[in-house]
Amino acid sequence: MAYFLRHPDNYPLEEQVKSLGDEELLDFWEESQFLEIYIEDEQVVSNKVVKYEEVILKELHIRNYAKSFGQQLAAGR
C-alpha cells in the first residue's frame, strides 16, 4: 500500500514513486484512478494539479526499459 510523507511539497511525486515497489506502484496507480474520478465528479478546481497517471506511467516505462536490459533499478535511486 502506498504511503504519504508529512511534507510532500518538499518531496516531489516523481521522487516518491521511485521508492515504491512494482506492486505498490500499481496499487497507487489504481487508487489515483479513483481519486481522479472523484475530483472530476466534484468538479474541484485546484491551482496545483498533479497528473498522477502521467508520473506513474513514466516510472513504469523507465522500469520496463531497465528490465529489458537486464538491469534492476535501486529503490529511491
Protein backbone atom coordinates (compact mmCIF):
# COMPACT_ATOMS: atom_id res chain seq x y z
CA MET A 1 0.00 0.00 0.00
CA ALA A 2 1.27 3.46 -0.82
CA TYR A 3 2.08 5.88 1.95
CA PHE A 4 2.23 9.62 2.34
CA LEU A 5 5.08 11.77 3.57
CA ARG A 6 4.47 14.51 6.10
CA HIS A 7 5.71 17.26 3.78
CA PRO A 8 5.03 16.06 0.25
CA ASP A 9 5.68 19.53 -1.19
CA ASN A 10 9.32 19.12 -0.21
CA TYR A 11 9.49 15.71 -1.89
CA PRO A 12 8.05 15.67 -5.44
CA LEU A 13 5.74 12.89 -6.56
CA GLU A 14 8.28 11.86 -9.19
CA GLU A 15 10.74 11.04 -6.39
CA GLN A 16 8.13 9.40 -4.18
CA VAL A 17 7.14 6.83 -6.81
CA LYS A 18 10.77 5.77 -7.22
CA SER A 19 10.73 4.43 -3.66
CA LEU A 20 7.70 2.19 -4.27
CA GLY A 21 7.93 -1.43 -5.30
CA ASP A 22 6.24 -2.57 -8.50
CA GLU A 23 3.09 -3.83 -6.76
CA GLU A 24 2.87 -0.71 -4.59
CA LEU A 25 3.23 1.47 -7.67
CA LEU A 26 0.41 -0.37 -9.43
CA ASP A 27 -1.76 -0.07 -6.30
CA PHE A 28 -1.03 3.66 -6.20
CA TRP A 29 -1.97 3.95 -9.88
CA GLU A 30 -5.29 2.20 -9.20
CA GLU A 31 -6.01 4.48 -6.24
CA SER A 32 -5.15 7.55 -8.31
CA GLN A 33 -7.77 6.50 -10.88
CA PHE A 34 -10.46 6.62 -8.18
CA LEU A 35 -9.13 9.98 -6.99
CA GLU A 36 -9.35 11.46 -10.49
CA ILE A 37 -12.93 10.20 -10.89
CA TYR A 38 -13.85 11.79 -7.55
CA ILE A 39 -12.23 15.09 -8.47
CA GLU A 40 -13.97 15.14 -11.85
CA ASP A 41 -17.33 14.31 -10.24
CA GLU A 42 -16.95 17.06 -7.66
CA GLN A 43 -15.52 19.44 -10.26
CA VAL A 44 -12.93 20.65 -7.80
CA VAL A 45 -10.73 23.31 -9.32
CA SER A 46 -7.23 23.46 -7.95
CA ASN A 47 -4.26 25.64 -8.76
CA LYS A 48 -1.93 22.68 -8.28
CA VAL A 49 -2.96 19.72 -10.41
CA VAL A 50 -0.86 16.60 -10.07
CA LYS A 51 -1.00 14.29 -13.05
CA TYR A 52 -0.65 11.05 -11.14
CA GLU A 53 -1.21 8.78 -14.12
CA GLU A 54 1.45 10.55 -16.19
CA VAL A 55 4.05 10.30 -13.41
CA ILE A 56 3.24 6.66 -12.64
CA LEU A 57 3.27 5.57 -16.29
CA LYS A 58 6.60 7.34 -16.80
CA GLU A 59 8.09 5.44 -13.85
CA LEU A 60 6.69 2.12 -15.12
CA HIS A 61 8.18 2.86 -18.54
CA ILE A 62 11.60 3.55 -17.00
CA ARG A 63 11.47 0.32 -15.00
CA ASN A 64 10.37 -1.72 -18.01
CA TYR A 65 13.15 -0.22 -20.13
CA ALA A 66 15.75 -1.04 -17.46
CA LYS A 67 14.46 -4.63 -17.16
CA SER A 68 14.72 -5.09 -20.92
CA PHE A 69 18.48 -4.56 -20.49
CA GLY A 70 18.64 -6.89 -17.51
CA GLN A 71 19.14 -4.10 -15.00
CA GLN A 72 17.36 -3.79 -11.68
CA LEU A 73 16.80 -0.21 -10.56
CA ALA A 74 17.52 0.54 -6.92
CA ALA A 75 14.60 1.86 -4.90
CA GLY A 76 14.80 5.59 -4.38
CA ARG A 77 17.56 5.92 -6.99
